[in-house]
Structures are given as C-alpha cells and as structure tokens.
Amino acid sequence: MEALLGREFTYINAHGEVCDRCQYLDRYCSGNGPRFLKQEMEIVRIIARDHAVAVLLDCREEIEFAGEQSNSLQRALYIFRKQADRWLWCEGQATELRSPVV
C-alpha cells in the first residue's frame, strides 16, 4: 500500500478525521488499526482527465476494531494522479450513508 500512496496523500474518514500518508499507513495498514472482515465496493462513477482520475464508489464494510464489530455503508471518493509511468492515490474521502450497527 505504501507504494500506491503519493507523498502528499490525505484521507478523511467517515468520522471526519484527517490522516496524512504516515497516519493512514499506521492506522489502516498496520496491526494497530481496524481489521476488515468484509468489504464490497460498487463503482458509481469514474471521471478521467489528462493526468487524474476520480472514482466515486459505495463501500459496504464489516470491521472489527478494539474487540467491537460494526457494519457500515459509505460513499467514497478517491483521486489518483499519474506520475511518470504509474498511478498514485493522492486523496481519499469517505462519508457514511448508513449508521454503523454494533
């Protein structure tokens, strides 16, 4: 995941918490963060421009964190930028569409 994230990467989760690249990797990609039990994504729309792509999608997630399980439905917007010969994820934002069930 580290290779996919651009240096200026920023992510805003469904609770409004902002993470930079290092914080995102620590929170979501290490053993300290939530454990995704199930994640289903449905692409709503893709908008492509010269060196950028925006992907709007709906995410259904089952997560375990700190011994608690929750289910949620979120709308996410991910923006990718082409750098040299590869695409880097530079921005992400999620908004909860349905309250989690614990």
Protein backbone atom coordinates (compact mmCIF):
# COMPACT_ATOMS: atom_id res chain seq x y z
CA MET A 1 0.00 0.00 0.00
CA GLU A 2 2.88 2.34 0.79
CA ALA A 3 3.99 2.32 -2.86
CA LEU A 4 0.47 3.28 -4.02
CA LEU A 5 0.16 6.41 -1.86
CA GLY A 6 1.52 9.70 -3.16
CA ARG A 7 3.77 11.76 -0.87
CA GLU A 8 1.05 14.42 -0.45
CA PHE A 9 -1.67 11.80 0.26
CA THR A 10 -4.54 12.94 2.51
CA TYR A 11 -7.50 10.87 3.68
CA ILE A 12 -10.63 11.98 5.53
CA ASN A 13 -12.59 9.10 7.05
CA ALA A 14 -16.35 8.92 7.65
CA HIS A 15 -15.88 10.41 11.14
CA GLY A 16 -14.15 13.50 9.73
CA GLU A 17 -10.69 12.51 10.96
CA VAL A 18 -7.90 13.65 8.63
CA CYS A 19 -4.87 11.42 8.04
CA ASP A 20 -1.70 12.22 6.15
CA ARG A 21 0.26 9.46 4.41
CA CYS A 22 2.10 8.24 7.53
CA GLN A 23 -1.00 8.35 9.72
CA TYR A 24 -3.05 6.45 7.11
CA LEU A 25 -0.44 3.69 6.82
CA ASP A 26 -0.22 3.37 10.61
CA ARG A 27 -3.96 3.45 11.19
CA TYR A 28 -5.29 1.35 8.30
CA CYS A 29 -2.37 -0.80 7.15
CA SER A 30 -0.71 -1.94 10.38
CA GLY A 31 -1.79 -4.43 13.01
CA ASN A 32 -2.93 -1.50 15.21
CA GLY A 33 -5.85 -0.44 13.04
CA PRO A 34 -9.23 -1.88 12.17
CA ARG A 35 -9.46 -5.39 10.75
CA PHE A 36 -11.65 -5.56 7.67
CA LEU A 37 -13.78 -8.69 7.86
CA LYS A 38 -15.62 -7.96 4.61
CA GLN A 39 -15.55 -5.12 2.11
CA GLU A 40 -17.68 -4.84 -1.02
CA MET A 41 -17.31 -1.92 -3.41
CA GLU A 42 -19.58 -0.77 -6.21
CA ILE A 43 -18.27 1.86 -8.60
CA VAL A 44 -20.79 4.68 -9.00
CA ARG A 45 -18.82 6.85 -11.42
CA ILE A 46 -15.34 7.32 -12.88
CA ILE A 47 -14.21 10.70 -14.18
CA ALA A 48 -10.93 10.71 -16.09
CA ARG A 49 -8.92 13.76 -17.11
CA ASP A 50 -5.42 14.04 -18.58
CA HIS A 51 -3.35 13.02 -15.58
CA ALA A 52 -6.03 12.48 -12.93
CA VAL A 53 -8.89 10.06 -12.27
CA ALA A 54 -11.69 10.46 -9.72
CA VAL A 55 -13.50 7.31 -8.62
CA LEU A 56 -16.81 7.57 -6.74
CA LEU A 57 -17.89 4.33 -5.10
CA ASP A 58 -20.13 2.84 -2.45
CA CYS A 59 -18.43 0.64 0.18
CA ARG A 60 -20.16 -1.90 2.40
CA GLU A 61 -17.82 -2.83 5.22
CA GLU A 62 -17.74 -5.18 8.17
CA ILE A 63 -14.98 -4.10 10.54
CA GLU A 64 -13.57 -5.28 13.84
CA PHE A 65 -11.76 -2.70 15.97
CA ALA A 66 -10.83 -2.90 19.65
CA GLY A 67 -12.96 -6.04 20.05
CA GLU A 68 -16.09 -4.42 18.59
CA GLN A 69 -17.66 -5.29 15.24
CA SER A 70 -19.56 -2.82 13.08
CA ASN A 71 -21.21 -2.67 9.66
CA SER A 72 -21.47 0.48 7.59
CA LEU A 73 -22.31 1.77 4.15
CA GLN A 74 -20.11 4.61 2.93
CA ARG A 75 -19.75 6.72 -0.20
CA ALA A 76 -16.08 7.23 -1.02
CA LEU A 77 -14.23 9.50 -3.42
CA TYR A 78 -10.70 8.51 -4.40
CA ILE A 79 -8.47 10.65 -6.61
CA PHE A 80 -5.49 9.19 -8.44
CA ARG A 81 -2.77 11.15 -10.24
CA LYS A 82 -0.46 9.82 -12.92
CA GLN A 83 3.20 10.29 -12.08
CA ALA A 84 5.75 9.07 -14.61
CA ASP A 85 4.51 5.62 -15.65
CA ARG A 86 2.23 4.81 -12.69
CA TRP A 87 -0.89 6.00 -10.90
CA LEU A 88 -0.67 7.22 -7.29
CA TRP A 89 -3.55 7.60 -4.86
CA CYS A 90 -3.36 11.24 -3.72
CA GLU A 91 -6.72 11.95 -2.00
CA GLY A 92 -9.48 9.95 -0.37
CA GLN A 93 -12.66 10.84 1.49
CA ALA A 94 -15.48 8.68 2.88
CA THR A 95 -18.95 9.71 4.06
CA GLU A 96 -21.21 7.39 5.97
CA LEU A 97 -24.53 6.71 4.25
CA ARG A 98 -25.92 4.45 6.96
CA SER A 99 -25.11 4.44 10.67
CA PRO A 100 -22.96 1.53 11.80
CA VAL A 101 -24.60 -1.39 13.54
CA VAL A 102 -22.58 -2.59 16.52
